[in-house]
Amino acid sequence: MTKRRIPTRRIALAVAAVALIAAAVGLWAMTHGTRVAPPESPIHRAERQIRQQLGAGAELRYSEIGQRRAVCGYVGRTRGGQAVGFVSLTSRILFSDDPLPTEFRDMRERYCPGFLTRPPTR
């Protein structure tokens, strides 16, 4: 029995065709892929959460970066109003005058251990 041999030219054409198809699929994926937005900075996230929760009249008075992308600080619910502490995490924001004072204290101690405990006086 003689062995059947595939011509080298056919193998080269098949490899070239596979490479061309792979390049076309890669190019299509790069131009039509889903776009991922760059991650929001913690300070901008806290400002967005404050606007969503308290409205446009609230003013951010002080903020500092805590642990694990947390932001702690003080916000006035109204311009010139009394300062209220907050802790902003990726998925939520909690204020010191919320009806969950123990949870706020625990979050503040966990994510911002050096954060001031009393609002600064103006």
PDB file of N, CA and C in Angstrom:
ATOM      1  N   MET A   1       0.828  -1.180   0.000  1.00  0.00           N
ATOM      2  CA  MET A   1       0.000   0.000   0.000  1.00  0.00           C
ATOM      3  C   MET A   1       0.870   1.240   0.000  1.00  0.00           C
ATOM      4  N   THR A   2       0.482   2.138  -0.792  1.00  0.00           N
ATOM      5  CA  THR A   2       1.203   3.402  -0.840  1.00  0.00           C
ATOM      6  C   THR A   2       0.490   4.432   0.022  1.00  0.00           C
ATOM      7  N   LYS A   3       1.293   5.210   0.650  1.00  0.00           N
ATOM      8  CA  LYS A   3       0.724   6.275   1.492  1.00  0.00           C
ATOM      9  C   LYS A   3       0.263   7.412   0.595  1.00  0.00           C
ATOM     10  N   ARG A   4      -0.884   7.935   0.949  1.00  0.00           N
ATOM     11  CA  ARG A   4      -1.413   9.069   0.215  1.00  0.00           C
ATOM     12  C   ARG A   4      -0.842  10.335   0.829  1.00  0.00           C
ATOM     13  N   ARG A   5      -0.297  11.186   0.018  1.00  0.00           N
ATOM     14  CA  ARG A   5       0.348  12.391   0.500  1.00  0.00           C
ATOM     15  C   ARG A   5      -0.437  13.620   0.087  1.00  0.00           C
ATOM     16  N   ILE A   6      -0.621  14.567   1.034  1.00  0.00           N
ATOM     17  CA  ILE A   6      -1.288  15.824   0.729  1.00  0.00           C
ATOM     18  C   ILE A   6      -0.216  16.796   0.278  1.00  0.00           C
ATOM     19  N   PRO A   7      -0.439  17.450  -0.833  1.00  0.00           N
ATOM     20  CA  PRO A   7       0.580  18.381  -1.336  1.00  0.00           C
ATOM     21  C   PRO A   7       0.821  19.528  -0.344  1.00  0.00           C
ATOM     22  N   THR A   8       2.050  19.946  -0.231  1.00  0.00           N
ATOM     23  CA  THR A   8       2.451  21.023   0.679  1.00  0.00           C
ATOM     24  C   THR A   8       1.719  22.311   0.358  1.00  0.00           C
ATOM     25  N   ARG A   9       1.466  22.537  -0.893  1.00  0.00           N
ATOM     26  CA  ARG A   9       0.772  23.768  -1.296  1.00  0.00           C
ATOM     27  C   ARG A   9      -0.635  23.829  -0.702  1.00  0.00           C
ATOM     28  N   ARG A  10      -1.349  22.704  -0.690  1.00  0.00           N
ATOM     29  CA  ARG A  10      -2.706  22.681  -0.117  1.00  0.00           C
ATOM     30  C   ARG A  10      -2.663  22.955   1.393  1.00  0.00           C
ATOM     31  N   ILE A  11      -1.678  22.405   2.078  1.00  0.00           N
ATOM     32  CA  ILE A  11      -1.550  22.638   3.515  1.00  0.00           C
ATOM     33  C   ILE A  11      -1.271  24.118   3.773  1.00  0.00           C
ATOM     34  N   ALA A  12      -0.413  24.714   3.002  1.00  0.00           N
ATOM     35  CA  ALA A  12      -0.091  26.133   3.160  1.00  0.00           C
ATOM     36  C   ALA A  12      -1.317  26.996   2.905  1.00  0.00           C
ATOM     37  N   LEU A  13      -2.112  26.662   1.901  1.00  0.00           N
ATOM     38  CA  LEU A  13      -3.333  27.422   1.621  1.00  0.00           C
ATOM     39  C   LEU A  13      -4.344  27.287   2.760  1.00  0.00           C
ATOM     40  N   ALA A  14      -4.469  26.099   3.316  1.00  0.00           N
ATOM     41  CA  ALA A  14      -5.406  25.884   4.422  1.00  0.00           C
ATOM     42  C   ALA A  14      -4.968  26.682   5.654  1.00  0.00           C
ATOM     43  N   VAL A  15      -3.686  26.680   5.964  1.00  0.00           N
ATOM     44  CA  VAL A  15      -3.173  27.435   7.111  1.00  0.00           C
ATOM     45  C   VAL A  15      -3.379  28.935   6.894  1.00  0.00           C
ATOM     46  N   ALA A  16      -3.126  29.405   5.682  1.00  0.00           N
ATOM     47  CA  ALA A  16      -3.319  30.825   5.367  1.00  0.00           C
ATOM     48  C   ALA A  16      -4.789  31.209   5.487  1.00  0.00           C
ATOM     49  N   ALA A  17      -5.688  30.342   5.042  1.00  0.00           N
ATOM     50  CA  ALA A  17      -7.120  30.633   5.128  1.00  0.00           C
ATOM     51  C   ALA A  17      -7.561  30.711   6.595  1.00  0.00           C
ATOM     52  N   VAL A  18      -7.086  29.785   7.424  1.00  0.00           N
ATOM     53  CA  VAL A  18      -7.440  29.805   8.848  1.00  0.00           C
ATOM     54  C   VAL A  18      -6.903  31.072   9.507  1.00  0.00           C
ATOM     55  N   ALA A  19      -5.676  31.464   9.188  1.00  0.00           N
ATOM     56  CA  ALA A  19      -5.093  32.686   9.756  1.00  0.00           C
ATOM     57  C   ALA A  19      -5.869  33.920   9.322  1.00  0.00           C
ATOM     58  N   LEU A  20      -6.274  33.969   8.067  1.00  0.00           N
ATOM     59  CA  LEU A  20      -7.043  35.113   7.567  1.00  0.00           C
ATOM     60  C   LEU A  20      -8.408  35.201   8.253  1.00  0.00           C
ATOM     61  N   ILE A  21      -9.056  34.071   8.435  1.00  0.00           N
ATOM     62  CA  ILE A  21     -10.359  34.057   9.112  1.00  0.00           C
ATOM     63  C   ILE A  21     -10.186  34.486  10.578  1.00  0.00           C
ATOM     64  N   ALA A  22      -9.143  34.003  11.245  1.00  0.00           N
ATOM     65  CA  ALA A  22      -8.897  34.398  12.644  1.00  0.00           C
ATOM     66  C   ALA A  22      -8.624  35.894  12.751  1.00  0.00           C
ATOM     67  N   ALA A  23      -7.870  36.446  11.818  1.00  0.00           N
ATOM     68  CA  ALA A  23      -7.597  37.888  11.834  1.00  0.00           C
ATOM     69  C   ALA A  23      -8.875  38.683  11.608  1.00  0.00           C
ATOM     70  N   ALA A  24      -9.735  38.212  10.698  1.00  0.00           N
ATOM     71  CA  ALA A  24     -10.997  38.910  10.438  1.00  0.00           C
ATOM     72  C   ALA A  24     -11.898  38.874  11.666  1.00  0.00           C
ATOM     73  N   VAL A  25     -11.977  37.728  12.330  1.00  0.00           N
ATOM     74  CA  VAL A  25     -12.799  37.624  13.548  1.00  0.00           C
ATOM     75  C   VAL A  25     -12.236  38.523  14.647  1.00  0.00           C
ATOM     76  N   GLY A  26     -10.920  38.558  14.794  1.00  0.00           N
ATOM     77  CA  GLY A  26     -10.296  39.433  15.796  1.00  0.00           C
ATOM     78  C   GLY A  26     -10.559  40.898  15.529  1.00  0.00           C
ATOM     79  N   LEU A  27     -10.462  41.308  14.270  1.00  0.00           N
ATOM     80  CA  LEU A  27     -10.740  42.701  13.901  1.00  0.00           C
ATOM     81  C   LEU A  27     -12.192  43.051  14.163  1.00  0.00           C
ATOM     82  N   TRP A  28     -13.096  42.149  13.827  1.00  0.00           N
ATOM     83  CA  TRP A  28     -14.518  42.407  14.072  1.00  0.00           C
ATOM     84  C   TRP A  28     -14.781  42.531  15.578  1.00  0.00           C
ATOM     85  N   ALA A  29     -14.176  41.648  16.366  1.00  0.00           N
ATOM     86  CA  ALA A  29     -14.389  41.694  17.822  1.00  0.00           C
ATOM     87  C   ALA A  29     -13.858  42.997  18.421  1.00  0.00           C
ATOM     88  N   MET A  30     -12.728  43.490  17.896  1.00  0.00           N
ATOM     89  CA  MET A  30     -12.172  44.746  18.426  1.00  0.00           C
ATOM     90  C   MET A  30     -13.053  45.938  18.090  1.00  0.00           C
ATOM     91  N   THR A  31     -13.689  45.936  16.927  1.00  0.00           N
ATOM     92  CA  THR A  31     -14.488  47.091  16.526  1.00  0.00           C
ATOM     93  C   THR A  31     -15.930  47.009  16.988  1.00  0.00           C
ATOM     94  N   HIS A  32     -16.440  45.822  17.278  1.00  0.00           N
ATOM     95  CA  HIS A  32     -17.837  45.675  17.656  1.00  0.00           C
ATOM     96  C   HIS A  32     -18.023  45.155  19.077  1.00  0.00           C
ATOM     97  N   GLY A  33     -16.949  45.041  19.822  1.00  0.00           N
ATOM     98  CA  GLY A  33     -17.041  44.516  21.184  1.00  0.00           C
ATOM     99  C   GLY A  33     -17.740  45.488  22.108  1.00  0.00           C
ATOM    100  N   THR A  34     -18.131  44.995  23.257  1.00  0.00           N
ATOM    101  CA  THR A  34     -18.764  45.863  24.241  1.00  0.00           C
ATOM    102  C   THR A  34     -17.721  46.793  24.834  1.00  0.00           C
ATOM    103  N   ARG A  35     -18.109  47.998  25.029  1.00  0.00           N
ATOM    104  CA  ARG A  35     -17.207  49.000  25.594  1.00  0.00           C
ATOM    105  C   ARG A  35     -17.396  49.016  27.109  1.00  0.00           C
ATOM    106  N   VAL A  36     -16.318  48.994  27.819  1.00  0.00           N
ATOM    107  CA  VAL A  36     -16.358  49.055  29.277  1.00  0.00           C
ATOM    108  C   VAL A  36     -15.927  50.456  29.685  1.00  0.00           C
ATOM    109  N   ALA A  37     -16.790  51.124  30.434  1.00  0.00           N
ATOM    110  CA  ALA A  37     -16.466  52.478  30.888  1.00  0.00           C
ATOM    111  C   ALA A  37     -15.344  52.412  31.916  1.00  0.00           C
ATOM    112  N   PRO A  38     -14.496  53.424  31.931  1.00  0.00           N
ATOM    113  CA  PRO A  38     -13.442  53.428  32.946  1.00  0.00           C
ATOM    114  C   PRO A  38     -14.064  53.540  34.339  1.00  0.00           C
ATOM    115  N   PRO A  39     -13.448  52.935  35.329  1.00  0.00           N
ATOM    116  CA  PRO A  39     -14.033  52.985  36.670  1.00  0.00           C
ATOM    117  C   PRO A  39     -14.108  54.422  37.196  1.00  0.00           C
ATOM    118  N   GLU A  40     -15.177  54.687  37.916  1.00  0.00           N
ATOM    119  CA  GLU A  40     -15.400  56.011  38.492  1.00  0.00           C
ATOM    120  C   GLU A  40     -14.507  56.176  39.720  1.00  0.00           C
ATOM    121  N   SER A  41     -13.893  57.347  39.864  1.00  0.00           N
ATOM    122  CA  SER A  41     -13.049  57.573  41.032  1.00  0.00           C
ATOM    123  C   SER A  41     -13.934  57.606  42.284  1.00  0.00           C
ATOM    124  N   PRO A  42     -13.388  57.226  43.431  1.00  0.00           N
ATOM    125  CA  PRO A  42     -14.201  57.198  44.651  1.00  0.00           C
ATOM    126  C   PRO A  42     -14.823  58.557  45.001  1.00  0.00           C
ATOM    127  N   ILE A  43     -14.074  59.645  44.804  1.00  0.00           N
ATOM    128  CA  ILE A  43     -14.614  60.978  45.137  1.00  0.00           C
ATOM    129  C   ILE A  43     -15.789  61.321  44.218  1.00  0.00           C
ATOM    130  N   HIS A  44     -15.653  61.055  42.916  1.00  0.00           N
ATOM    131  CA  HIS A  44     -16.750  61.334  41.988  1.00  0.00           C
ATOM    132  C   HIS A  44     -17.961  60.456  42.288  1.00  0.00           C
ATOM    133  N   ARG A  45     -17.724  59.200  42.688  1.00  0.00           N
ATOM    134  CA  ARG A  45     -18.824  58.317  43.061  1.00  0.00           C
ATOM    135  C   ARG A  45     -19.568  58.884  44.271  1.00  0.00           C
ATOM    136  N   ALA A  46     -18.816  59.360  45.280  1.00  0.00           N
ATOM    137  CA  ALA A  46     -19.447  59.917  46.480  1.00  0.00           C
ATOM    138  C   ALA A  46     -20.260  61.162  46.123  1.00  0.00           C
ATOM    139  N   GLU A  47     -19.711  62.026  45.270  1.00  0.00           N
ATOM    140  CA  GLU A  47     -20.456  63.219  44.849  1.00  0.00           C
ATOM    141  C   GLU A  47     -21.735  62.841  44.117  1.00  0.00           C
ATOM    142  N   ARG A  48     -21.676  61.832  43.255  1.00  0.00           N
ATOM    143  CA  ARG A  48     -22.870  61.373  42.527  1.00  0.00           C
ATOM    144  C   ARG A  48     -23.901  60.819  43.508  1.00  0.00           C
ATOM    145  N   GLN A  49     -23.461  60.009  44.465  1.00  0.00           N
ATOM    146  CA  GLN A  49     -24.386  59.444  45.450  1.00  0.00           C
ATOM    147  C   GLN A  49     -25.032  60.535  46.299  1.00  0.00           C
ATOM    148  N   ILE A  50     -24.261  61.545  46.668  1.00  0.00           N
ATOM    149  CA  ILE A  50     -24.803  62.652  47.467  1.00  0.00           C
ATOM    150  C   ILE A  50     -25.868  63.392  46.670  1.00  0.00           C
ATOM    151  N   ARG A  51     -25.585  63.699  45.397  1.00  0.00           N
ATOM    152  CA  ARG A  51     -26.586  64.378  44.557  1.00  0.00           C
ATOM    153  C   ARG A  51     -27.850  63.538  44.412  1.00  0.00           C
ATOM    154  N   GLN A  52     -27.692  62.214  44.245  1.00  0.00           N
ATOM    155  CA  GLN A  52     -28.853  61.346  44.089  1.00  0.00           C
ATOM    156  C   GLN A  52     -29.681  61.269  45.366  1.00  0.00           C
ATOM    157  N   GLN A  53     -29.022  61.206  46.518  1.00  0.00           N
ATOM    158  CA  GLN A  53     -29.730  61.043  47.785  1.00  0.00           C
ATOM    159  C   GLN A  53     -30.266  62.357  48.350  1.00  0.00           C
ATOM    160  N   LEU A  54     -29.476  63.421  48.221  1.00  0.00           N
ATOM    161  CA  LEU A  54     -29.843  64.672  48.893  1.00  0.00           C
ATOM    162  C   LEU A  54     -30.276  65.779  47.932  1.00  0.00           C
ATOM    163  N   GLY A  55     -30.039  65.607  46.657  1.00  0.00           N
ATOM    164  CA  GLY A  55     -30.427  66.622  45.686  1.00  0.00           C
ATOM    165  C   GLY A  55     -29.286  67.581  45.378  1.00  0.00           C
ATOM    166  N   ALA A  56     -29.562  68.484  44.443  1.00  0.00           N
ATOM    167  CA  ALA A  56     -28.540  69.420  43.963  1.00  0.00           C
ATOM    168  C   ALA A  56     -28.177  70.476  45.013  1.00  0.00           C
ATOM    169  N   GLY A  57     -29.027  70.694  46.015  1.00  0.00           N
ATOM    170  CA  GLY A  57     -28.756  71.718  47.024  1.00  0.00           C
ATOM    171  C   GLY A  57     -27.741  71.302  48.073  1.00  0.00           C
ATOM    172  N   ALA A  58     -27.378  70.034  48.108  1.00  0.00           N
ATOM    173  CA  ALA A  58     -26.407  69.568  49.105  1.00  0.00           C
ATOM    174  C   ALA A  58     -25.008  70.008  48.714  1.00  0.00           C
ATOM    175  N   GLU A  59     -24.169  70.239  49.729  1.00  0.00           N
ATOM    176  CA  GLU A  59     -22.792  70.642  49.438  1.00  0.00           C
ATOM    177  C   GLU A  59     -21.815  69.741  50.170  1.00  0.00           C
ATOM    178  N   LEU A  60     -20.845  69.253  49.419  1.00  0.00           N
ATOM    179  CA  LEU A  60     -19.781  68.432  49.986  1.00  0.00           C
ATOM    180  C   LEU A  60     -18.793  69.368  50.658  1.00  0.00           C
ATOM    181  N   ARG A  61     -18.565  69.167  51.949  1.00  0.00           N
ATOM    182  CA  ARG A  61     -17.692  70.074  52.694  1.00  0.00           C
ATOM    183  C   ARG A  61     -16.291  69.516  52.899  1.00  0.00           C
ATOM    184  N   TYR A  62     -16.215  68.207  53.109  1.00  0.00           N
ATOM    185  CA  TYR A  62     -14.911  67.594  53.359  1.00  0.00           C
ATOM    186  C   TYR A  62     -15.011  66.127  52.977  1.00  0.00           C
ATOM    187  N   SER A  63     -13.957  65.596  52.369  1.00  0.00           N
ATOM    188  CA  SER A  63     -13.944  64.165  52.058  1.00  0.00           C
ATOM    189  C   SER A  63     -12.518  63.640  52.141  1.00  0.00           C
ATOM    190  N   GLU A  64     -12.410  62.366  52.486  1.00  0.00           N
ATOM    191  CA  GLU A  64     -11.114  61.699  52.522  1.00  0.00           C
ATOM    192  C   GLU A  64     -11.316  60.256  52.077  1.00  0.00           C
ATOM    193  N   ILE A  65     -10.280  59.725  51.454  1.00  0.00           N
ATOM    194  CA  ILE A  65     -10.331  58.352  50.969  1.00  0.00           C
ATOM    195  C   ILE A  65     -10.091  57.407  52.143  1.00  0.00           C
ATOM    196  N   GLY A  66     -10.938  56.401  52.257  1.00  0.00           N
ATOM    197  CA  GLY A  66     -10.788  55.393  53.290  1.00  0.00           C
ATOM    198  C   GLY A  66     -10.222  54.105  52.707  1.00  0.00           C
ATOM    199  N   GLN A  67     -10.495  53.020  53.366  1.00  0.00           N
ATOM    200  CA  GLN A  67     -10.020  51.719  52.907  1.00  0.00           C
ATOM    201  C   GLN A  67     -11.010  51.107  51.930  1.00  0.00           C
ATOM    202  N   ARG A  68     -10.507  50.297  51.008  1.00  0.00           N
ATOM    203  CA  ARG A  68     -11.335  49.576  50.034  1.00  0.00           C
ATOM    204  C   ARG A  68     -12.234  50.501  49.226  1.00  0.00           C
ATOM    205  N   ARG A  69     -11.697  51.548  48.687  1.00  0.00           N
ATOM    206  CA  ARG A  69     -12.406  52.509  47.833  1.00  0.00           C
ATOM    207  C   ARG A  69     -13.548  53.233  48.548  1.00  0.00           C
ATOM    208  N   ALA A  70     -13.541  53.261  49.866  1.00  0.00           N
ATOM    209  CA  ALA A  70     -14.548  53.996  50.626  1.00  0.00           C
ATOM    210  C   ALA A  70     -14.157  55.468  50.680  1.00  0.00           C
ATOM    211  N   VAL A  71     -15.164  56.329  50.822  1.00  0.00           N
ATOM    212  CA  VAL A  71     -14.946  57.769  50.999  1.00  0.00           C
ATOM    213  C   VAL A  71     -15.739  58.190  52.223  1.00  0.00           C
ATOM    214  N   CYS A  72     -15.097  58.914  53.116  1.00  0.00           N
ATOM    215  CA  CYS A  72     -15.760  59.434  54.302  1.00  0.00           C
ATOM    216  C   CYS A  72     -15.660  60.952  54.273  1.00  0.00           C
ATOM    217  N   GLY A  73     -16.631  61.608  54.863  1.00  0.00           N
ATOM    218  CA  GLY A  73     -16.572  63.056  54.871  1.00  0.00           C
ATOM    219  C   GLY A  73     -17.796  63.673  55.501  1.00  0.00           C
ATOM    220  N   TYR A  74     -17.949  64.969  55.224  1.00  0.00           N
ATOM    221  CA  TYR A  74     -19.075  65.741  55.741  1.00  0.00           C
ATOM    222  C   TYR A  74     -19.770  66.427  54.590  1.00  0.00           C
ATOM    223  N   VAL A  75     -21.080  66.484  54.689  1.00  0.00           N
ATOM    224  CA  VAL A  75     -21.904  67.113  53.669  1.00  0.00           C
ATOM    225  C   VAL A  75     -22.964  67.945  54.374  1.00  0.00           C
ATOM    226  N   GLY A  76     -23.317  69.071  53.774  1.00  0.00           N
ATOM    227  CA  GLY A  76     -24.439  69.860  54.266  1.00  0.00           C
ATOM    228  C   GLY A  76     -25.676  69.504  53.456  1.00  0.00           C
ATOM    229  N   ARG A  77     -26.747  69.159  54.126  1.00  0.00           N
ATOM    230  CA  ARG A  77     -27.976  68.812  53.383  1.00  0.00           C
ATOM    231  C   ARG A  77     -28.497  70.016  52.610  1.00  0.00           C
ATOM    232  N   THR A  78     -28.232  71.210  53.128  1.00  0.00           N
ATOM    233  CA  THR A  78     -28.533  72.456  52.414  1.00  0.00           C
ATOM    234  C   THR A  78     -27.287  73.322  52.486  1.00  0.00           C
ATOM    235  N   ARG A  79     -27.164  74.264  51.598  1.00  0.00           N
ATOM    236  CA  ARG A  79     -25.990  75.153  51.605  1.00  0.00           C
ATOM    237  C   ARG A  79     -25.999  75.960  52.898  1.00  0.00           C
ATOM    238  N   GLY A  80     -24.915  75.857  53.638  1.00  0.00           N
ATOM    239  CA  GLY A  80     -24.809  76.560  54.905  1.00  0.00           C
ATOM    240  C   GLY A  80     -25.463  75.829  56.057  1.00  0.00           C
ATOM    241  N   GLY A  81     -26.102  74.691  55.814  1.00  0.00           N
ATOM    242  CA  GLY A  81     -26.753  73.925  56.874  1.00  0.00           C
ATOM    243  C   GLY A  81     -25.740  73.147  57.698  1.00  0.00           C
ATOM    244  N   GLN A  82     -26.239  72.468  58.707  1.00  0.00           N
ATOM    245  CA  GLN A  82     -25.377  71.709  59.604  1.00  0.00           C
ATOM    246  C   GLN A  82     -24.694  70.572  58.846  1.00  0.00           C
ATOM    247  N   ALA A  83     -23.440  70.317  59.199  1.00  0.00           N
ATOM    248  CA  ALA A  83     -22.674  69.244  58.555  1.00  0.00           C
ATOM    249  C   ALA A  83     -23.116  67.886  59.085  1.00  0.00           C
ATOM    250  N   VAL A  84     -23.211  66.924  58.158  1.00  0.00           N
ATOM    251  CA  VAL A  84     -23.603  65.559  58.476  1.00  0.00           C
ATOM    252  C   VAL A  84     -22.506  64.645  57.947  1.00  0.00           C
ATOM    253  N   GLY A  85     -22.069  63.692  58.744  1.00  0.00           N
ATOM    254  CA  GLY A  85     -21.046  62.760  58.295  1.00  0.00           C
ATOM    255  C   GLY A  85     -21.612  61.745  57.324  1.00  0.00           C
ATOM    256  N   PHE A  86     -20.756  61.210  56.446  1.00  0.00           N
ATOM    257  CA  PHE A  86     -21.187  60.160  55.533  1.00  0.00           C
ATOM    258  C   PHE A  86     -20.051  59.177  55.296  1.00  0.00           C
ATOM    259  N   VAL A  87     -20.430  57.962  54.917  1.00  0.00           N
ATOM    260  CA  VAL A  87     -19.500  56.934  54.456  1.00  0.00           C
ATOM    261  C   VAL A  87     -20.064  56.426  53.136  1.00  0.00           C
ATOM    262  N   SER A  88     -19.269  56.554  52.079  1.00  0.00           N
ATOM    263  CA  SER A  88     -19.690  56.131  50.748  1.00  0.00           C
ATOM    264  C   SER A  88     -18.913  54.891  50.348  1.00  0.00           C
ATOM    265  N   LEU A  89     -19.639  53.829  50.026  1.00  0.00           N
ATOM    266  CA  LEU A  89     -19.056  52.611  49.486  1.00  0.00           C
ATOM    267  C   LEU A  89     -19.471  52.495  48.022  1.00  0.00           C
ATOM    268  N   THR A  90     -18.957  51.504  47.345  1.00  0.00           N
ATOM    269  CA  THR A  90     -19.258  51.351  45.930  1.00  0.00           C
ATOM    270  C   THR A  90     -20.755  51.231  45.669  1.00  0.00           C
ATOM    271  N   SER A  91     -21.464  50.526  46.525  1.00  0.00           N
ATOM    272  CA  SER A  91     -22.872  50.262  46.264  1.00  0.00           C
ATOM    273  C   SER A  91     -23.846  51.044  47.150  1.00  0.00           C
ATOM    274  N   ARG A  92     -23.341  51.839  48.099  1.00  0.00           N
ATOM    275  CA  ARG A  92     -24.267  52.575  48.978  1.00  0.00           C
ATOM    276  C   ARG A  92     -23.572  53.737  49.664  1.00  0.00           C
ATOM    277  N   ILE A  93     -24.398  54.613  50.211  1.00  0.00           N
ATOM    278  CA  ILE A  93     -23.897  55.720  51.019  1.00  0.00           C
ATOM    279  C   ILE A  93     -24.752  55.773  52.277  1.00  0.00           C
ATOM    280  N   LEU A  94     -24.109  56.023  53.407  1.00  0.00           N
ATOM    281  CA  LEU A  94     -24.818  56.086  54.681  1.00  0.00           C
ATOM    282  C   LEU A  94     -24.446  57.389  55.366  1.00  0.00           C
ATOM    283  N   PHE A  95     -25.453  58.067  55.945  1.00  0.00           N
ATOM    284  CA  PHE A  95     -25.244  59.352  56.609  1.00  0.00           C
ATOM    285  C   PHE A  95     -25.350  59.172  58.124  1.00  0.00           C
ATOM    286  N   SER A  96     -24.672  60.046  58.872  1.00  0.00           N
ATOM    287  CA  SER A  96     -24.652  59.914  60.338  1.00  0.00           C
ATOM    288  C   SER A  96     -26.014  60.176  60.967  1.00  0.00           C
ATOM    289  N   ASP A  97     -26.890  60.906  60.271  1.00  0.00           N
ATOM    290  CA  ASP A  97     -28.210  61.165  60.839  1.00  0.00           C
ATOM    291  C   ASP A  97     -29.278  60.213  60.308  1.00  0.00           C
ATOM    292  N   ASP A  98     -28.858  59.151  59.608  1.00  0.00           N
ATOM    293  CA  ASP A  98     -29.804  58.124  59.166  1.00  0.00           C
ATOM    294  C   ASP A  98     -30.333  57.376  60.378  1.00  0.00           C
ATOM    295  N   PRO A  99     -31.447  56.662  60.222  1.00  0.00           N
ATOM    296  CA  PRO A  99     -31.986  55.917  61.367  1.00  0.00           C
ATOM    297  C   PRO A  99     -31.189  54.657  61.714  1.00  0.00           C
ATOM    298  N   LEU A 100     -29.983  54.509  61.182  1.00  0.00           N
ATOM    299  CA  LEU A 100     -29.133  53.353  61.488  1.00  0.00           C
ATOM    300  C   LEU A 100     -27.796  53.823  62.068  1.00  0.00           C
ATOM    301  N   PRO A 101     -27.800  54.450  63.252  1.00  0.00           N
ATOM    302  CA  PRO A 101     -26.552  55.014  63.780  1.00  0.00           C
ATOM    303  C   PRO A 101     -25.486  53.961  64.074  1.00  0.00           C
ATOM    304  N   THR A 102     -25.891  52.781  64.503  1.00  0.00           N
ATOM    305  CA  THR A 102     -24.913  51.737  64.808  1.00  0.00           C
ATOM    306  C   THR A 102     -24.239  51.249  63.529  1.00  0.00           C
ATOM    307  N   GLU A 103     -25.011  51.070  62.476  1.00  0.00           N
ATOM    308  CA  GLU A 103     -24.435  50.631  61.208  1.00  0.00           C
ATOM    309  C   GLU A 103     -23.490  51.697  60.643  1.00  0.00           C
ATOM    310  N   PHE A 104     -23.868  52.966  60.777  1.00  0.00           N
ATOM    311  CA  PHE A 104     -22.981  54.043  60.321  1.00  0.00           C
ATOM    312  C   PHE A 104     -21.672  54.020  61.106  1.00  0.00           C
ATOM    313  N   ARG A 105     -21.752  53.892  62.422  1.00  0.00           N
ATOM    314  CA  ARG A 105     -20.555  53.860  63.261  1.00  0.00           C
ATOM    315  C   ARG A 105     -19.664  52.673  62.891  1.00  0.00           C
ATOM    316  N   ASP A 106     -20.281  51.505  62.686  1.00  0.00           N
ATOM    317  CA  ASP A 106     -19.505  50.320  62.314  1.00  0.00           C
ATOM    318  C   ASP A 106     -18.823  50.493  60.960  1.00  0.00           C
ATOM    319  N   MET A 107     -19.538  51.066  60.003  1.00  0.00           N
ATOM    320  CA  MET A 107     -18.946  51.302  58.676  1.00  0.00           C
ATOM    321  C   MET A 107     -17.814  52.318  58.768  1.00  0.00           C
ATOM    322  N   ARG A 108     -18.028  53.377  59.547  1.00  0.00           N
ATOM    323  CA  ARG A 108     -16.985  54.399  59.709  1.00  0.00           C
ATOM    324  C   ARG A 108     -15.735  53.800  60.341  1.00  0.00           C
ATOM    325  N   GLU A 109     -15.905  52.999  61.377  1.00  0.00           N
ATOM    326  CA  GLU A 109     -14.758  52.383  62.049  1.00  0.00           C
ATOM    327  C   GLU A 109     -14.060  51.357  61.159  1.00  0.00           C
ATOM    328  N   ARG A 110     -14.817  50.662  60.325  1.00  0.00           N
ATOM    329  CA  ARG A 110     -14.242  49.625  59.465  1.00  0.00           C
ATOM    330  C   ARG A 110     -13.515  50.211  58.259  1.00  0.00           C
ATOM    331  N   TYR A 111     -14.131  51.191  57.587  1.00  0.00           N
ATOM    332  CA  TYR A 111     -13.579  51.704  56.335  1.00  0.00           C
ATOM    333  C   TYR A 111     -12.776  52.993  56.491  1.00  0.00           C
ATOM    334  N   CYS A 112     -13.021  53.766  57.535  1.00  0.00           N
ATOM    335  CA  CYS A 112     -12.315  55.035  57.750  1.00  0.00           C
ATOM    336  C   CYS A 112     -11.936  55.155  59.227  1.00  0.00           C
ATOM    337  N   PRO A 113     -11.002  54.336  59.685  1.00  0.00           N
ATOM    338  CA  PRO A 113     -10.702  54.338  61.118  1.00  0.00           C
ATOM    339  C   PRO A 113     -10.130  55.657  61.625  1.00  0.00           C
ATOM    340  N   GLY A 114      -9.472  56.446  60.785  1.00  0.00           N
ATOM    341  CA  GLY A 114      -8.905  57.713  61.240  1.00  0.00           C
ATOM    342  C   GLY A 114      -9.827  58.892  61.019  1.00  0.00           C
ATOM    343  N   PHE A 115     -11.044  58.635  60.572  1.00  0.00           N
ATOM    344  CA  PHE A 115     -11.982  59.711  60.260  1.00  0.00           C
ATOM    345  C   PHE A 115     -12.443  60.420  61.530  1.00  0.00           C
ATOM    346  N   LEU A 116     -12.570  61.739  61.430  1.00  0.00           N
ATOM    347  CA  LEU A 116     -13.020  62.540  62.580  1.00  0.00           C
ATOM    348  C   LEU A 116     -14.379  62.057  63.060  1.00  0.00           C
ATOM    349  N   THR A 117     -14.603  62.137  64.350  1.00  0.00           N
ATOM    350  CA  THR A 117     -15.873  61.666  64.892  1.00  0.00           C
ATOM    351  C   THR A 117     -16.900  62.780  65.038  1.00  0.00           C
ATOM    352  N   ARG A 118     -16.456  64.032  65.067  1.00  0.00           N
ATOM    353  CA  ARG A 118     -17.397  65.150  65.163  1.00  0.00           C
ATOM    354  C   ARG A 118     -17.229  66.050  63.955  1.00  0.00           C
ATOM    355  N   PRO A 119     -18.319  66.619  63.431  1.00  0.00           N
ATOM    356  CA  PRO A 119     -18.186  67.521  62.295  1.00  0.00           C
ATOM    357  C   PRO A 119     -17.402  68.772  62.673  1.00  0.00           C
ATOM    358  N   PRO A 120     -16.610  69.292  61.750  1.00  0.00           N
ATOM    359  CA  PRO A 120     -15.866  70.525  62.061  1.00  0.00           C
ATOM    360  C   PRO A 120     -16.829  71.699  62.184  1.00  0.00           C
ATOM    361  N   THR A 121     -16.517  72.632  63.064  1.00  0.00           N
ATOM    362  CA  THR A 121     -17.340  73.833  63.212  1.00  0.00           C
ATOM    363  C   THR A 121     -16.833  74.887  62.245  1.00  0.00           C
ATOM    364  N   ARG A 122     -17.757  75.646  61.706  1.00  0.00           N
ATOM    365  CA  ARG A 122     -17.385  76.677  60.728  1.00  0.00           C
ATOM    366  C   ARG A 122     -17.119  77.979  61.391  1.00  0.00           C
TER     367      ARG A 122
END
